[in-house]
Amino acid sequence: MFKPLSALNSIVGTVVSLVLAALLGLACWWGVSTYLSARRDHEQIAALTRQIVRLETALRLLKVDHRVAQIDVLSQQGSEKDKTLVTTFSFVELDDQGRPLAEPRTLTVKGDLVYVDYWVVKFTDESVEAGDPLRGTSICLFRRIFGEHQNPVDGYVLDPVGSRPVGYGSGREATEFESEIWAQFWELANNPDLAEKKGIRAIHGEAPNQKLAMGKRYKVLLRASAGLSFQTEDAPPRSSGPL
């Protein structure tokens, strides 16, 4: 009689051991699964955080304006009505702190509408978003400035083709990479594949214009992902300088 009981106890013990082992295995699986899930969640949260930071940085950079030049109206004589109006103004390139990169040039045009002709290179959004030190912002080369009653070719030359520009939006000297771009400007403009290899999204000339008025200062701004624009403000007293 004891043998069947012993066998039964053995079977019960085995079953209990198997159940405990199963429960232990289940607990281990649950623990590992929870750990891996938490780790995946952490990695996903970290990835999303990095993405949010990148997008916030991109939005900030894409809206950044760099002061690249300044126009101060010095005098206006004559009348626009009888087409004798003549406008004299100063033009100077600036660094990001508003400091002149050279002596201001005094220029005179017929009328009061001036065009700023320049070459611009716009890099891919990815380069701008990433803050690439070479491609993190659009770069420009001033070509000439002229009035509405002048032929562009007769305008005042600013940065001659082939010369080393005074500076770009950040007020620094041209890098070897930038100098290479200016030297190959129209080749790149007519060869999209070559431009793409250099991370260039757009490369062409532009000539925005502005109607000048006495007592006004016009800051020429370059947006990181775009071209030039004018910002109008009241001119400070003449003695205060370009800042």
Protein backbone atom coordinates (compact mmCIF):
# COMPACT_ATOMS: atom_id res chain seq x y z
CA MET A 1 0.00 0.00 0.00
CA PHE A 2 2.88 2.31 0.71
CA LYS A 3 4.35 1.79 -2.71
CA PRO A 4 1.37 3.34 -4.57
CA LEU A 5 1.40 6.27 -2.12
CA SER A 6 5.13 6.70 -2.64
CA ALA A 7 4.67 6.60 -6.37
CA LEU A 8 1.80 9.08 -6.11
CA ASN A 9 3.91 11.41 -3.96
CA SER A 10 6.71 11.14 -6.50
CA ILE A 11 4.36 11.99 -9.34
CA VAL A 12 2.89 14.92 -7.38
CA GLY A 13 6.40 16.13 -6.55
CA THR A 14 7.39 15.89 -10.18
CA VAL A 15 4.29 17.77 -11.29
CA VAL A 16 4.87 20.44 -8.66
CA SER A 17 8.50 20.73 -9.76
CA LEU A 18 7.43 21.03 -13.37
CA VAL A 19 4.84 23.67 -12.48
CA LEU A 20 7.38 25.60 -10.43
CA ALA A 21 9.91 25.30 -13.23
CA ALA A 22 7.32 26.51 -15.71
CA LEU A 23 6.38 29.40 -13.43
CA LEU A 24 10.05 30.24 -12.97
CA GLY A 25 10.60 30.09 -16.72
CA LEU A 26 7.55 32.24 -17.29
CA ALA A 27 8.79 34.73 -14.72
CA CYS A 28 12.23 34.81 -16.37
CA TRP A 29 10.65 35.25 -19.80
CA TRP A 30 8.43 38.03 -18.48
CA GLY A 31 11.41 39.72 -16.85
CA VAL A 32 13.56 39.50 -19.98
CA SER A 33 10.63 40.57 -22.17
CA THR A 34 9.91 43.52 -19.89
CA TYR A 35 13.59 44.50 -19.88
CA LEU A 36 13.86 44.27 -23.67
CA SER A 37 10.60 46.14 -24.10
CA ALA A 38 11.76 48.86 -21.72
CA ARG A 39 15.06 49.02 -23.55
CA ARG A 40 13.29 49.31 -26.90
CA ASP A 41 11.02 52.00 -25.47
CA HIS A 42 14.07 53.85 -24.13
CA GLU A 43 15.82 53.61 -27.49
CA GLN A 44 12.69 54.78 -29.28
CA ILE A 45 12.31 57.69 -26.86
CA ALA A 46 15.98 58.59 -27.32
CA ALA A 47 15.60 58.40 -31.11
CA LEU A 48 12.48 60.56 -31.02
CA THR A 49 14.24 63.06 -28.76
CA ARG A 50 17.15 63.28 -31.19
CA GLN A 51 14.70 63.75 -34.05
CA ILE A 52 12.88 66.54 -32.21
CA VAL A 53 16.16 68.30 -31.43
CA ARG A 54 17.26 67.94 -35.06
CA LEU A 55 13.99 69.36 -36.35
CA GLU A 56 14.07 72.25 -33.87
CA THR A 57 17.65 73.00 -34.91
CA ALA A 58 16.67 72.78 -38.57
CA LEU A 59 13.79 75.23 -38.12
CA ARG A 60 16.08 77.62 -36.26
CA LEU A 61 18.86 77.41 -38.84
CA LEU A 62 16.54 77.73 -41.80
CA LYS A 63 15.31 81.03 -40.38
CA VAL A 64 18.71 82.47 -39.49
CA ASP A 65 19.57 85.72 -41.27
CA HIS A 66 23.14 86.90 -41.73
CA ARG A 67 23.90 90.56 -42.31
CA VAL A 68 26.09 90.68 -45.39
CA ALA A 69 25.89 94.31 -46.54
CA GLN A 70 24.45 97.70 -45.76
CA ILE A 71 23.19 100.62 -47.83
CA ASP A 72 22.90 104.14 -46.35
CA VAL A 73 21.19 106.87 -48.36
CA LEU A 74 23.42 109.96 -48.27
CA SER A 75 21.54 112.42 -50.50
CA GLN A 76 18.82 112.76 -53.12
CA GLN A 77 18.67 115.66 -55.55
CA GLY A 78 16.34 116.57 -58.38
CA SER A 79 12.82 115.36 -59.01
CA GLU A 80 11.42 111.98 -59.90
CA LYS A 81 8.58 113.71 -61.73
CA ASP A 82 10.83 115.36 -64.31
CA LYS A 83 13.29 112.44 -64.24
CA THR A 84 16.16 114.46 -62.78
CA LEU A 85 16.30 112.57 -59.48
CA VAL A 86 19.78 111.43 -58.49
CA THR A 87 20.49 109.29 -55.41
CA THR A 88 23.85 108.99 -53.68
CA PHE A 89 24.37 106.17 -51.18
CA SER A 90 27.09 104.16 -49.49
CA PHE A 91 27.50 100.39 -49.83
CA VAL A 92 29.60 98.24 -47.52
CA GLU A 93 29.87 94.52 -46.80
CA LEU A 94 29.55 93.51 -43.13
CA ASP A 95 30.38 90.62 -40.85
CA ASP A 96 27.82 89.06 -38.49
CA GLN A 97 28.57 91.68 -35.82
CA GLY A 98 27.81 94.51 -38.25
CA ARG A 99 31.44 95.50 -38.67
CA PRO A 100 32.52 96.71 -42.13
CA LEU A 101 34.79 94.35 -44.05
CA ALA A 102 36.17 97.22 -46.13
CA GLU A 103 35.78 100.96 -46.53
CA PRO A 104 32.23 101.94 -47.58
CA ARG A 105 31.92 102.87 -51.25
CA THR A 106 29.99 106.01 -52.21
CA LEU A 107 27.88 105.42 -55.34
CA THR A 108 25.46 107.57 -57.34
CA VAL A 109 22.63 106.44 -59.64
CA LYS A 110 19.88 108.14 -61.59
CA GLY A 111 16.50 107.71 -59.93
CA ASP A 112 16.01 105.98 -56.58
CA LEU A 113 15.66 102.29 -57.47
CA VAL A 114 18.79 100.17 -57.15
CA TYR A 115 19.49 96.53 -58.02
CA VAL A 116 22.03 94.35 -56.21
CA ASP A 117 23.31 91.71 -58.62
CA TYR A 118 24.89 88.69 -56.96
CA TRP A 119 25.64 85.01 -57.36
CA VAL A 120 24.13 82.66 -54.79
CA VAL A 121 24.76 79.03 -53.89
CA LYS A 122 22.08 77.24 -51.87
CA PHE A 123 22.94 73.90 -50.31
CA THR A 124 20.66 70.96 -49.59
CA ASP A 125 18.32 71.23 -46.62
CA GLU A 126 20.08 68.26 -45.02
CA SER A 127 23.39 70.13 -45.04
CA VAL A 128 21.79 73.24 -43.56
CA GLU A 129 19.92 71.22 -40.92
CA ALA A 130 23.07 69.35 -39.95
CA GLY A 131 24.97 72.62 -39.50
CA ASP A 132 27.63 71.50 -41.98
CA PRO A 133 30.57 73.93 -41.50
CA LEU A 134 31.05 74.24 -45.27
CA ARG A 135 27.45 73.88 -46.45
CA GLY A 136 25.50 75.04 -43.40
CA THR A 137 24.28 78.28 -44.99
CA SER A 138 23.80 79.83 -48.42
CA ILE A 139 26.81 81.78 -49.66
CA CYS A 140 26.84 84.73 -52.03
CA LEU A 141 29.22 86.74 -54.17
CA PHE A 142 28.30 90.35 -54.93
CA ARG A 143 28.76 91.13 -58.61
CA ARG A 144 27.55 94.68 -59.21
CA ILE A 145 25.06 97.32 -58.16
CA PHE A 146 23.17 99.52 -60.62
CA GLY A 147 20.21 101.90 -60.93
CA GLU A 148 17.00 101.31 -62.87
CA HIS A 149 18.13 103.70 -65.63
CA GLN A 150 21.44 101.86 -66.16
CA ASN A 151 22.27 98.75 -68.11
CA PRO A 152 23.46 96.06 -65.67
CA VAL A 153 26.78 95.80 -67.49
CA ASP A 154 27.35 99.52 -66.77
CA GLY A 155 26.77 99.12 -63.04
CA TYR A 156 29.36 99.46 -60.29
CA VAL A 157 31.48 96.32 -59.99
CA LEU A 158 31.59 94.95 -56.42
CA ASP A 159 33.46 91.62 -56.42
CA PRO A 160 35.05 91.01 -59.84
CA VAL A 161 34.82 87.46 -61.20
CA GLY A 162 37.95 85.54 -60.26
CA SER A 163 38.80 87.79 -57.33
CA ARG A 164 38.74 86.67 -53.70
CA PRO A 165 35.55 88.12 -52.21
CA VAL A 166 35.90 90.36 -49.18
CA GLY A 167 33.84 87.93 -47.16
CA TYR A 168 30.66 85.94 -46.99
CA GLY A 169 27.71 86.00 -44.55
CA SER A 170 29.85 85.02 -41.56
CA GLY A 171 32.52 87.62 -42.22
CA ARG A 172 35.24 85.04 -42.77
CA GLU A 173 37.66 84.56 -45.60
CA ALA A 174 36.62 82.25 -48.42
CA THR A 175 37.51 78.61 -47.86
CA GLU A 176 39.18 76.54 -50.56
CA PHE A 177 35.81 74.85 -51.12
CA GLU A 178 34.05 78.19 -51.69
CA SER A 179 36.80 79.52 -53.95
CA GLU A 180 36.45 76.38 -56.05
CA ILE A 181 32.69 76.96 -56.32
CA TRP A 182 33.13 80.56 -57.52
CA ALA A 183 35.73 79.46 -60.06
CA GLN A 184 33.34 76.81 -61.43
CA PHE A 185 30.12 78.75 -60.85
CA TRP A 186 28.51 78.56 -64.28
CA GLU A 187 29.87 75.08 -64.92
CA LEU A 188 28.10 73.93 -61.76
CA ALA A 189 24.96 75.90 -62.69
CA ASN A 190 24.79 74.01 -65.99
CA ASN A 191 25.77 70.59 -64.62
CA PRO A 192 23.18 69.42 -62.04
CA ASP A 193 24.97 66.12 -61.42
CA LEU A 194 28.23 67.86 -60.56
CA ALA A 195 26.40 70.37 -58.35
CA GLU A 196 24.59 67.56 -56.52
CA LYS A 197 27.90 65.86 -55.73
CA LYS A 198 28.94 69.03 -53.92
CA GLY A 199 25.68 69.15 -51.96
CA ILE A 200 24.34 72.11 -53.94
CA ARG A 201 20.56 72.49 -54.21
CA ALA A 202 20.50 75.63 -56.36
CA ILE A 203 23.14 77.84 -57.96
CA HIS A 204 22.30 80.92 -60.00
CA GLY A 205 22.37 84.71 -60.16
CA GLU A 206 19.78 87.07 -58.65
CA ALA A 207 19.23 90.82 -58.61
CA PRO A 208 16.71 92.00 -55.98
CA ASN A 209 15.90 95.69 -56.03
CA GLN A 210 15.02 98.33 -53.46
CA LYS A 211 13.58 101.86 -53.71
CA LEU A 212 15.83 104.12 -51.65
CA ALA A 213 14.54 106.96 -49.46
CA MET A 214 16.31 109.66 -47.50
CA GLY A 215 16.87 108.95 -43.82
CA LYS A 216 16.80 105.19 -44.34
CA ARG A 217 19.29 102.39 -43.92
CA TYR A 218 18.93 99.09 -45.75
CA LYS A 219 20.49 95.97 -44.36
CA VAL A 220 21.08 93.27 -46.93
CA LEU A 221 20.39 89.89 -45.29
CA LEU A 222 21.21 86.37 -46.41
CA ARG A 223 18.99 83.56 -45.12
CA ALA A 224 20.66 80.22 -44.43
CA SER A 225 18.51 78.34 -46.94
CA ALA A 226 17.59 81.13 -49.35
CA GLY A 227 18.86 84.32 -50.97
CA LEU A 228 19.16 88.02 -50.18
CA SER A 229 16.50 90.29 -48.77
CA PHE A 230 16.36 93.93 -47.64
CA GLN A 231 15.52 95.10 -44.13
CA THR A 232 14.60 98.78 -43.86
CA GLU A 233 15.21 100.88 -40.77
CA ASP A 234 15.77 104.51 -39.84
CA ALA A 235 19.36 105.56 -40.37
CA PRO A 236 21.21 106.50 -37.16
CA PRO A 237 23.17 109.75 -36.90
CA ARG A 238 25.92 109.79 -39.52
CA SER A 239 28.68 109.76 -36.90
CA SER A 240 27.54 106.46 -35.36
CA GLY A 241 29.05 104.39 -38.14
CA PRO A 242 27.73 101.20 -39.74
CA LEU A 243 26.65 99.35 -36.56
